[in-house]
């Protein structure tokens, strides 16, 4: 049996005490990005589970898109990642 070895940690502990591992991340072929899926990717990047570049490659995201998710999550939490609330949190 062959197991693919991933780079970096397998599991990290988040500031709230919960654990996040690679199996908690959305599938690589995700097309529909809801706020919770975006948040799990952002948390993985913030905690060092995956790098920003790895997240962009894994999910076919642009760097600007991932940076926007990170900025919105940092400023407004998970509600800032909802598409329906995008205009409410957008800076003038």
PDB file of N, CA and C in Angstrom:
ATOM      1  N   UNK A   1       0.841  -1.171   0.000  1.00  0.00           N
ATOM      2  CA  UNK A   1       0.000   0.000   0.000  1.00  0.00           C
ATOM      3  C   UNK A   1       0.890   1.238   0.000  1.00  0.00           C
ATOM      4  N   UNK A   2       0.567   2.187  -0.868  1.00  0.00           N
ATOM      5  CA  UNK A   2       1.366   3.393  -1.019  1.00  0.00           C
ATOM      6  C   UNK A   2       0.622   4.577  -0.421  1.00  0.00           C
ATOM      7  N   UNK A   3       1.280   5.301   0.476  1.00  0.00           N
ATOM      8  CA  UNK A   3       0.709   6.514   1.053  1.00  0.00           C
ATOM      9  C   UNK A   3       1.526   7.708   0.579  1.00  0.00           C
ATOM     10  N   UNK A   4       0.843   8.722   0.087  1.00  0.00           N
ATOM     11  CA  UNK A   4       1.530   9.907  -0.373  1.00  0.00           C
ATOM     12  C   UNK A   4       1.886  10.773   0.832  1.00  0.00           C
ATOM     13  N   UNK A   5       3.117  11.165   0.933  1.00  0.00           N
ATOM     14  CA  UNK A   5       3.584  11.991   2.043  1.00  0.00           C
ATOM     15  C   UNK A   5       3.411  13.450   1.670  1.00  0.00           C
ATOM     16  N   UNK A   6       2.640  14.173   2.468  1.00  0.00           N
ATOM     17  CA  UNK A   6       2.427  15.594   2.245  1.00  0.00           C
ATOM     18  C   UNK A   6       3.532  16.395   2.922  1.00  0.00           C
ATOM     19  N   UNK A   7       3.854  17.522   2.349  1.00  0.00           N
ATOM     20  CA  UNK A   7       4.822  18.416   2.979  1.00  0.00           C
ATOM     21  C   UNK A   7       4.142  19.156   4.113  1.00  0.00           C
ATOM     22  N   UNK A   8       4.926  19.497   5.132  1.00  0.00           N
ATOM     23  CA  UNK A   8       4.406  20.278   6.237  1.00  0.00           C
ATOM     24  C   UNK A   8       3.713  19.413   7.267  1.00  0.00           C
ATOM     25  N   UNK A   9       3.133  20.065   8.261  1.00  0.00           N
ATOM     26  CA  UNK A   9       2.487  19.314   9.337  1.00  0.00           C
ATOM     27  C   UNK A   9       1.209  18.626   8.870  1.00  0.00           C
ATOM     28  N   UNK A  10       0.857  17.571   9.552  1.00  0.00           N
ATOM     29  CA  UNK A  10      -0.381  16.847   9.247  1.00  0.00           C
ATOM     30  C   UNK A  10      -1.541  17.458  10.016  1.00  0.00           C
ATOM     31  N   UNK A  11      -1.225  17.984  11.202  1.00  0.00           N
ATOM     32  CA  UNK A  11      -2.264  18.542  12.066  1.00  0.00           C
ATOM     33  C   UNK A  11      -1.691  19.728  12.824  1.00  0.00           C
ATOM     34  N   UNK A  12      -2.520  20.772  13.023  1.00  0.00           N
ATOM     35  CA  UNK A  12      -2.108  21.935  13.803  1.00  0.00           C
ATOM     36  C   UNK A  12      -3.184  22.248  14.827  1.00  0.00           C
ATOM     37  N   UNK A  13      -2.756  22.893  15.893  1.00  0.00           N
ATOM     38  CA  UNK A  13      -3.690  23.317  16.932  1.00  0.00           C
ATOM     39  C   UNK A  13      -4.010  24.785  16.711  1.00  0.00           C
ATOM     40  N   UNK A  14      -5.292  25.117  16.658  1.00  0.00           N
ATOM     41  CA  UNK A  14      -5.736  26.483  16.435  1.00  0.00           C
ATOM     42  C   UNK A  14      -5.759  27.252  17.748  1.00  0.00           C
ATOM     43  N   UNK A  15      -5.762  28.583  17.692  1.00  0.00           N
ATOM     44  CA  UNK A  15      -5.764  29.385  18.924  1.00  0.00           C
ATOM     45  C   UNK A  15      -6.943  29.106  19.863  1.00  0.00           C
ATOM     46  N   UNK A  16      -8.068  28.662  19.324  1.00  0.00           N
ATOM     47  CA  UNK A  16      -9.227  28.369  20.175  1.00  0.00           C
ATOM     48  C   UNK A  16      -9.146  26.983  20.825  1.00  0.00           C
ATOM     49  N   UNK A  17      -8.052  26.261  20.572  1.00  0.00           N
ATOM     50  CA  UNK A  17      -7.856  24.947  21.172  1.00  0.00           C
ATOM     51  C   UNK A  17      -8.266  23.778  20.297  1.00  0.00           C
ATOM     52  N   UNK A  18      -8.986  24.042  19.225  1.00  0.00           N
ATOM     53  CA  UNK A  18      -9.394  22.958  18.334  1.00  0.00           C
ATOM     54  C   UNK A  18      -8.231  22.572  17.430  1.00  0.00           C
ATOM     55  N   UNK A  19      -8.358  21.441  16.787  1.00  0.00           N
ATOM     56  CA  UNK A  19      -7.315  20.939  15.894  1.00  0.00           C
ATOM     57  C   UNK A  19      -7.825  20.969  14.458  1.00  0.00           C
ATOM     58  N   UNK A  20      -6.920  21.215  13.554  1.00  0.00           N
ATOM     59  CA  UNK A  20      -7.232  21.237  12.130  1.00  0.00           C
ATOM     60  C   UNK A  20      -6.210  20.354  11.432  1.00  0.00           C
ATOM     61  N   UNK A  21      -6.693  19.393  10.650  1.00  0.00           N
ATOM     62  CA  UNK A  21      -5.768  18.556   9.889  1.00  0.00           C
ATOM     63  C   UNK A  21      -6.145  18.580   8.418  1.00  0.00           C
ATOM     64  N   UNK A  22      -5.305  17.985   7.610  1.00  0.00           N
ATOM     65  CA  UNK A  22      -5.503  18.039   6.160  1.00  0.00           C
ATOM     66  C   UNK A  22      -6.810  17.394   5.705  1.00  0.00           C
ATOM     67  N   UNK A  23      -7.300  16.436   6.451  1.00  0.00           N
ATOM     68  CA  UNK A  23      -8.566  15.802   6.057  1.00  0.00           C
ATOM     69  C   UNK A  23      -9.765  16.719   6.313  1.00  0.00           C
ATOM     70  N   UNK A  24      -9.590  17.790   7.097  1.00  0.00           N
ATOM     71  CA  UNK A  24     -10.661  18.757   7.343  1.00  0.00           C
ATOM     72  C   UNK A  24     -10.801  19.778   6.219  1.00  0.00           C
ATOM     73  N   UNK A  25      -9.822  19.813   5.330  1.00  0.00           N
ATOM     74  CA  UNK A  25      -9.865  20.765   4.226  1.00  0.00           C
ATOM     75  C   UNK A  25     -10.858  20.313   3.165  1.00  0.00           C
ATOM     76  N   UNK A  26     -11.425  21.260   2.404  1.00  0.00           N
ATOM     77  CA  UNK A  26     -12.350  20.878   1.329  1.00  0.00           C
ATOM     78  C   UNK A  26     -11.635  20.054   0.254  1.00  0.00           C
ATOM     79  N   UNK A  27     -12.381  19.297  -0.526  1.00  0.00           N
ATOM     80  CA  UNK A  27     -11.771  18.522  -1.617  1.00  0.00           C
ATOM     81  C   UNK A  27     -11.108  19.447  -2.642  1.00  0.00           C
ATOM     82  N   UNK A  28     -10.109  18.923  -3.328  1.00  0.00           N
ATOM     83  CA  UNK A  28      -9.380  19.723  -4.323  1.00  0.00           C
ATOM     84  C   UNK A  28     -10.261  20.178  -5.486  1.00  0.00           C
ATOM     85  N   UNK A  29     -11.303  19.440  -5.788  1.00  0.00           N
ATOM     86  CA  UNK A  29     -12.156  19.775  -6.932  1.00  0.00           C
ATOM     87  C   UNK A  29     -13.356  20.632  -6.542  1.00  0.00           C
ATOM     88  N   UNK A  30     -13.279  21.341  -5.425  1.00  0.00           N
ATOM     89  CA  UNK A  30     -14.388  22.167  -4.957  1.00  0.00           C
ATOM     90  C   UNK A  30     -14.668  23.280  -5.956  1.00  0.00           C
ATOM     91  N   UNK A  31     -15.910  23.420  -6.349  1.00  0.00           N
ATOM     92  CA  UNK A  31     -16.343  24.478  -7.265  1.00  0.00           C
ATOM     93  C   UNK A  31     -17.258  25.478  -6.559  1.00  0.00           C
ATOM     94  N   UNK A  32     -17.999  25.021  -5.584  1.00  0.00           N
ATOM     95  CA  UNK A  32     -18.948  25.876  -4.870  1.00  0.00           C
ATOM     96  C   UNK A  32     -18.333  26.254  -3.527  1.00  0.00           C
ATOM     97  N   UNK A  33     -17.952  27.517  -3.392  1.00  0.00           N
ATOM     98  CA  UNK A  33     -17.252  27.976  -2.196  1.00  0.00           C
ATOM     99  C   UNK A  33     -18.210  28.681  -1.247  1.00  0.00           C
ATOM    100  N   UNK A  34     -18.652  27.974  -0.236  1.00  0.00           N
ATOM    101  CA  UNK A  34     -19.460  28.576   0.821  1.00  0.00           C
ATOM    102  C   UNK A  34     -18.514  29.113   1.896  1.00  0.00           C
ATOM    103  N   UNK A  35     -19.042  29.926   2.798  1.00  0.00           N
ATOM    104  CA  UNK A  35     -18.214  30.605   3.798  1.00  0.00           C
ATOM    105  C   UNK A  35     -17.414  29.624   4.658  1.00  0.00           C
ATOM    106  N   UNK A  36     -17.990  28.514   5.051  1.00  0.00           N
ATOM    107  CA  UNK A  36     -17.285  27.556   5.916  1.00  0.00           C
ATOM    108  C   UNK A  36     -16.099  26.914   5.214  1.00  0.00           C
ATOM    109  N   UNK A  37     -16.236  26.635   3.925  1.00  0.00           N
ATOM    110  CA  UNK A  37     -15.119  26.056   3.175  1.00  0.00           C
ATOM    111  C   UNK A  37     -13.999  27.080   3.017  1.00  0.00           C
ATOM    112  N   UNK A  38     -14.374  28.320   2.713  1.00  0.00           N
ATOM    113  CA  UNK A  38     -13.371  29.378   2.618  1.00  0.00           C
ATOM    114  C   UNK A  38     -12.656  29.543   3.951  1.00  0.00           C
ATOM    115  N   UNK A  39     -13.423  29.529   5.046  1.00  0.00           N
ATOM    116  CA  UNK A  39     -12.850  29.717   6.372  1.00  0.00           C
ATOM    117  C   UNK A  39     -11.870  28.602   6.724  1.00  0.00           C
ATOM    118  N   UNK A  40     -12.179  27.375   6.348  1.00  0.00           N
ATOM    119  CA  UNK A  40     -11.262  26.280   6.662  1.00  0.00           C
ATOM    120  C   UNK A  40      -9.941  26.431   5.905  1.00  0.00           C
ATOM    121  N   UNK A  41      -9.982  26.924   4.663  1.00  0.00           N
ATOM    122  CA  UNK A  41      -8.757  27.159   3.902  1.00  0.00           C
ATOM    123  C   UNK A  41      -7.967  28.312   4.530  1.00  0.00           C
ATOM    124  N   UNK A  42      -8.657  29.378   4.905  1.00  0.00           N
ATOM    125  CA  UNK A  42      -7.997  30.533   5.522  1.00  0.00           C
ATOM    126  C   UNK A  42      -7.351  30.135   6.851  1.00  0.00           C
ATOM    127  N   UNK A  43      -8.066  29.367   7.666  1.00  0.00           N
ATOM    128  CA  UNK A  43      -7.500  28.906   8.934  1.00  0.00           C
ATOM    129  C   UNK A  43      -6.275  28.036   8.708  1.00  0.00           C
ATOM    130  N   UNK A  44      -6.315  27.202   7.682  1.00  0.00           N
ATOM    131  CA  UNK A  44      -5.166  26.341   7.372  1.00  0.00           C
ATOM    132  C   UNK A  44      -3.956  27.176   6.973  1.00  0.00           C
ATOM    133  N   UNK A  45      -4.182  28.247   6.218  1.00  0.00           N
ATOM    134  CA  UNK A  45      -3.077  29.111   5.811  1.00  0.00           C
ATOM    135  C   UNK A  45      -2.550  29.889   7.013  1.00  0.00           C
ATOM    136  N   UNK A  46      -3.452  30.477   7.819  1.00  0.00           N
ATOM    137  CA  UNK A  46      -3.036  31.245   8.990  1.00  0.00           C
ATOM    138  C   UNK A  46      -2.250  30.398   9.984  1.00  0.00           C
ATOM    139  N   UNK A  47      -2.659  29.144  10.160  1.00  0.00           N
ATOM    140  CA  UNK A  47      -2.027  28.294  11.167  1.00  0.00           C
ATOM    141  C   UNK A  47      -0.765  27.600  10.663  1.00  0.00           C
ATOM    142  N   UNK A  48      -0.503  27.687   9.370  1.00  0.00           N
ATOM    143  CA  UNK A  48       0.698  27.082   8.814  1.00  0.00           C
ATOM    144  C   UNK A  48       0.521  25.639   8.376  1.00  0.00           C
ATOM    145  N   UNK A  49      -0.703  25.160   8.343  1.00  0.00           N
ATOM    146  CA  UNK A  49      -0.950  23.798   7.866  1.00  0.00           C
ATOM    147  C   UNK A  49      -0.577  23.681   6.389  1.00  0.00           C
ATOM    148  N   UNK A  50      -0.967  24.674   5.600  1.00  0.00           N
ATOM    149  CA  UNK A  50      -0.573  24.759   4.193  1.00  0.00           C
ATOM    150  C   UNK A  50      -0.121  26.190   3.927  1.00  0.00           C
ATOM    151  N   UNK A  51       0.680  26.370   2.918  1.00  0.00           N
ATOM    152  CA  UNK A  51       1.123  27.714   2.557  1.00  0.00           C
ATOM    153  C   UNK A  51       0.083  28.358   1.646  1.00  0.00           C
ATOM    154  N   UNK A  52       0.182  29.653   1.496  1.00  0.00           N
ATOM    155  CA  UNK A  52      -0.729  30.347   0.589  1.00  0.00           C
ATOM    156  C   UNK A  52      -0.562  29.883  -0.839  1.00  0.00           C
ATOM    157  N   UNK A  53       0.670  29.667  -1.242  1.00  0.00           N
ATOM    158  CA  UNK A  53       0.942  29.190  -2.601  1.00  0.00           C
ATOM    159  C   UNK A  53       0.361  27.795  -2.808  1.00  0.00           C
ATOM    160  N   UNK A  54       0.504  26.941  -1.800  1.00  0.00           N
ATOM    161  CA  UNK A  54      -0.043  25.586  -1.900  1.00  0.00           C
ATOM    162  C   UNK A  54      -1.563  25.625  -1.990  1.00  0.00           C
ATOM    163  N   UNK A  55      -2.195  26.522  -1.228  1.00  0.00           N
ATOM    164  CA  UNK A  55      -3.650  26.655  -1.278  1.00  0.00           C
ATOM    165  C   UNK A  55      -4.100  27.126  -2.657  1.00  0.00           C
ATOM    166  N   UNK A  56      -3.368  28.080  -3.229  1.00  0.00           N
ATOM    167  CA  UNK A  56      -3.721  28.574  -4.568  1.00  0.00           C
ATOM    168  C   UNK A  56      -3.607  27.472  -5.616  1.00  0.00           C
ATOM    169  N   UNK A  57      -2.550  26.685  -5.531  1.00  0.00           N
ATOM    170  CA  UNK A  57      -2.362  25.593  -6.487  1.00  0.00           C
ATOM    171  C   UNK A  57      -3.393  24.492  -6.280  1.00  0.00           C
ATOM    172  N   UNK A  58      -3.662  24.172  -5.013  1.00  0.00           N
ATOM    173  CA  UNK A  58      -4.565  23.074  -4.688  1.00  0.00           C
ATOM    174  C   UNK A  58      -6.002  23.362  -5.144  1.00  0.00           C
ATOM    175  N   UNK A  59      -6.423  24.623  -4.990  1.00  0.00           N
ATOM    176  CA  UNK A  59      -7.821  24.971  -5.266  1.00  0.00           C
ATOM    177  C   UNK A  59      -7.992  25.863  -6.491  1.00  0.00           C
ATOM    178  N   UNK A  60      -6.934  26.037  -7.280  1.00  0.00           N
ATOM    179  CA  UNK A  60      -6.985  26.871  -8.492  1.00  0.00           C
ATOM    180  C   UNK A  60      -7.494  28.280  -8.184  1.00  0.00           C
ATOM    181  N   UNK A  61      -6.915  28.891  -7.156  1.00  0.00           N
ATOM    182  CA  UNK A  61      -7.275  30.245  -6.752  1.00  0.00           C
ATOM    183  C   UNK A  61      -6.182  31.204  -7.202  1.00  0.00           C
ATOM    184  N   UNK A  62      -6.560  32.445  -7.409  1.00  0.00           N
ATOM    185  CA  UNK A  62      -5.540  33.460  -7.653  1.00  0.00           C
ATOM    186  C   UNK A  62      -5.035  33.960  -6.300  1.00  0.00           C
ATOM    187  N   UNK A  63      -3.856  34.548  -6.308  1.00  0.00           N
ATOM    188  CA  UNK A  63      -3.309  35.084  -5.064  1.00  0.00           C
ATOM    189  C   UNK A  63      -4.199  36.193  -4.510  1.00  0.00           C
ATOM    190  N   UNK A  64      -4.761  37.007  -5.395  1.00  0.00           N
ATOM    191  CA  UNK A  64      -5.630  38.104  -4.976  1.00  0.00           C
ATOM    192  C   UNK A  64      -6.899  37.581  -4.312  1.00  0.00           C
ATOM    193  N   UNK A  65      -7.440  36.488  -4.851  1.00  0.00           N
ATOM    194  CA  UNK A  65      -8.652  35.911  -4.285  1.00  0.00           C
ATOM    195  C   UNK A  65      -8.387  35.384  -2.870  1.00  0.00           C
ATOM    196  N   UNK A  66      -7.300  34.660  -2.700  1.00  0.00           N
ATOM    197  CA  UNK A  66      -6.961  34.141  -1.381  1.00  0.00           C
ATOM    198  C   UNK A  66      -6.659  35.278  -0.406  1.00  0.00           C
ATOM    199  N   UNK A  67      -5.943  36.298  -0.851  1.00  0.00           N
ATOM    200  CA  UNK A  67      -5.668  37.454   0.005  1.00  0.00           C
ATOM    201  C   UNK A  67      -6.964  38.149   0.421  1.00  0.00           C
ATOM    202  N   UNK A  68      -7.918  38.226  -0.487  1.00  0.00           N
ATOM    203  CA  UNK A  68      -9.220  38.817  -0.164  1.00  0.00           C
ATOM    204  C   UNK A  68      -9.957  38.012   0.891  1.00  0.00           C
ATOM    205  N   UNK A  69      -9.916  36.691   0.763  1.00  0.00           N
ATOM    206  CA  UNK A  69     -10.535  35.831   1.777  1.00  0.00           C
ATOM    207  C   UNK A  69      -9.876  36.043   3.129  1.00  0.00           C
ATOM    208  N   UNK A  70      -8.538  36.073   3.134  1.00  0.00           N
ATOM    209  CA  UNK A  70      -7.800  36.243   4.398  1.00  0.00           C
ATOM    210  C   UNK A  70      -8.114  37.591   5.036  1.00  0.00           C
ATOM    211  N   UNK A  71      -8.147  38.644   4.225  1.00  0.00           N
ATOM    212  CA  UNK A  71      -8.450  39.973   4.743  1.00  0.00           C
ATOM    213  C   UNK A  71      -9.868  40.031   5.311  1.00  0.00           C
ATOM    214  N   UNK A  72     -10.827  39.488   4.584  1.00  0.00           N
ATOM    215  CA  UNK A  72     -12.219  39.501   5.045  1.00  0.00           C
ATOM    216  C   UNK A  72     -12.394  38.685   6.322  1.00  0.00           C
ATOM    217  N   UNK A  73     -11.727  37.542   6.395  1.00  0.00           N
ATOM    218  CA  UNK A  73     -11.819  36.698   7.586  1.00  0.00           C
ATOM    219  C   UNK A  73     -11.177  37.378   8.782  1.00  0.00           C
ATOM    220  N   UNK A  74     -10.053  38.045   8.568  1.00  0.00           N
ATOM    221  CA  UNK A  74      -9.362  38.725   9.659  1.00  0.00           C
ATOM    222  C   UNK A  74     -10.196  39.895  10.189  1.00  0.00           C
ATOM    223  N   UNK A  75     -10.829  40.643   9.286  1.00  0.00           N
ATOM    224  CA  UNK A  75     -11.575  41.831   9.693  1.00  0.00           C
ATOM    225  C   UNK A  75     -12.987  41.532  10.187  1.00  0.00           C
ATOM    226  N   UNK A  76     -13.671  40.560   9.552  1.00  0.00           N
ATOM    227  CA  UNK A  76     -15.094  40.363   9.808  1.00  0.00           C
ATOM    228  C   UNK A  76     -15.475  38.945  10.217  1.00  0.00           C
ATOM    229  N   UNK A  77     -14.533  38.036  10.278  1.00  0.00           N
ATOM    230  CA  UNK A  77     -14.840  36.660  10.648  1.00  0.00           C
ATOM    231  C   UNK A  77     -15.504  35.911   9.509  1.00  0.00           C
ATOM    232  N   UNK A  78     -16.189  34.848   9.848  1.00  0.00           N
ATOM    233  CA  UNK A  78     -16.794  34.010   8.808  1.00  0.00           C
ATOM    234  C   UNK A  78     -17.913  34.725   8.069  1.00  0.00           C
ATOM    235  N   UNK A  79     -18.578  35.685   8.704  1.00  0.00           N
ATOM    236  CA  UNK A  79     -19.662  36.391   8.015  1.00  0.00           C
ATOM    237  C   UNK A  79     -19.119  37.276   6.894  1.00  0.00           C
ATOM    238  N   UNK A  80     -17.867  37.697   6.976  1.00  0.00           N
ATOM    239  CA  UNK A  80     -17.261  38.480   5.908  1.00  0.00           C
ATOM    240  C   UNK A  80     -16.957  37.668   4.668  1.00  0.00           C
ATOM    241  N   UNK A  81     -16.991  36.347   4.772  1.00  0.00           N
ATOM    242  CA  UNK A  81     -16.713  35.470   3.633  1.00  0.00           C
ATOM    243  C   UNK A  81     -17.965  35.091   2.853  1.00  0.00           C
ATOM    244  N   UNK A  82     -19.125  35.491   3.343  1.00  0.00           N
ATOM    245  CA  UNK A  82     -20.365  35.176   2.636  1.00  0.00           C
ATOM    246  C   UNK A  82     -20.515  36.086   1.426  1.00  0.00           C
ATOM    247  N   UNK A  83     -20.861  35.511   0.314  1.00  0.00           N
ATOM    248  CA  UNK A  83     -21.008  36.277  -0.923  1.00  0.00           C
ATOM    249  C   UNK A  83     -22.179  37.243  -0.812  1.00  0.00           C
ATOM    250  N   UNK A  84     -23.233  36.845  -0.137  1.00  0.00           N
ATOM    251  CA  UNK A  84     -24.408  37.710  -0.033  1.00  0.00           C
ATOM    252  C   UNK A  84     -24.146  38.950   0.816  1.00  0.00           C
ATOM    253  N   UNK A  85     -23.133  38.913   1.675  1.00  0.00           N
ATOM    254  CA  UNK A  85     -22.818  40.050   2.530  1.00  0.00           C
ATOM    255  C   UNK A  85     -21.587  40.797   2.051  1.00  0.00           C
ATOM    256  N   UNK A  86     -21.146  40.543   0.839  1.00  0.00           N
ATOM    257  CA  UNK A  86     -19.912  41.117   0.333  1.00  0.00           C
ATOM    258  C   UNK A  86     -19.949  42.641   0.312  1.00  0.00           C
ATOM    259  N   UNK A  87     -21.047  43.235  -0.157  1.00  0.00           N
ATOM    260  CA  UNK A  87     -21.123  44.685  -0.238  1.00  0.00           C
ATOM    261  C   UNK A  87     -21.165  45.339   1.138  1.00  0.00           C
ATOM    262  N   UNK A  88     -21.692  44.658   2.119  1.00  0.00           N
ATOM    263  CA  UNK A  88     -21.771  45.215   3.462  1.00  0.00           C
ATOM    264  C   UNK A  88     -20.386  45.420   4.049  1.00  0.00           C
ATOM    265  N   UNK A  89     -19.460  44.537   3.763  1.00  0.00           N
ATOM    266  CA  UNK A  89     -18.131  44.597   4.338  1.00  0.00           C
ATOM    267  C   UNK A  89     -17.085  45.206   3.420  1.00  0.00           C
ATOM    268  N   UNK A  90     -17.453  45.537   2.226  1.00  0.00           N
ATOM    269  CA  UNK A  90     -16.496  46.108   1.276  1.00  0.00           C
ATOM    270  C   UNK A  90     -16.144  47.530   1.721  1.00  0.00           C
ATOM    271  N   UNK A  91     -14.848  47.850   1.652  1.00  0.00           N
ATOM    272  CA  UNK A  91     -14.388  49.179   2.057  1.00  0.00           C
ATOM    273  C   UNK A  91     -14.588  50.154   0.915  1.00  0.00           C
ATOM    274  N   UNK A  92     -15.005  51.412   1.202  1.00  0.00           N
ATOM    275  CA  UNK A  92     -15.197  52.403   0.128  1.00  0.00           C
ATOM    276  C   UNK A  92     -13.886  52.873  -0.451  1.00  0.00           C
TER     277      UNK A  92
END
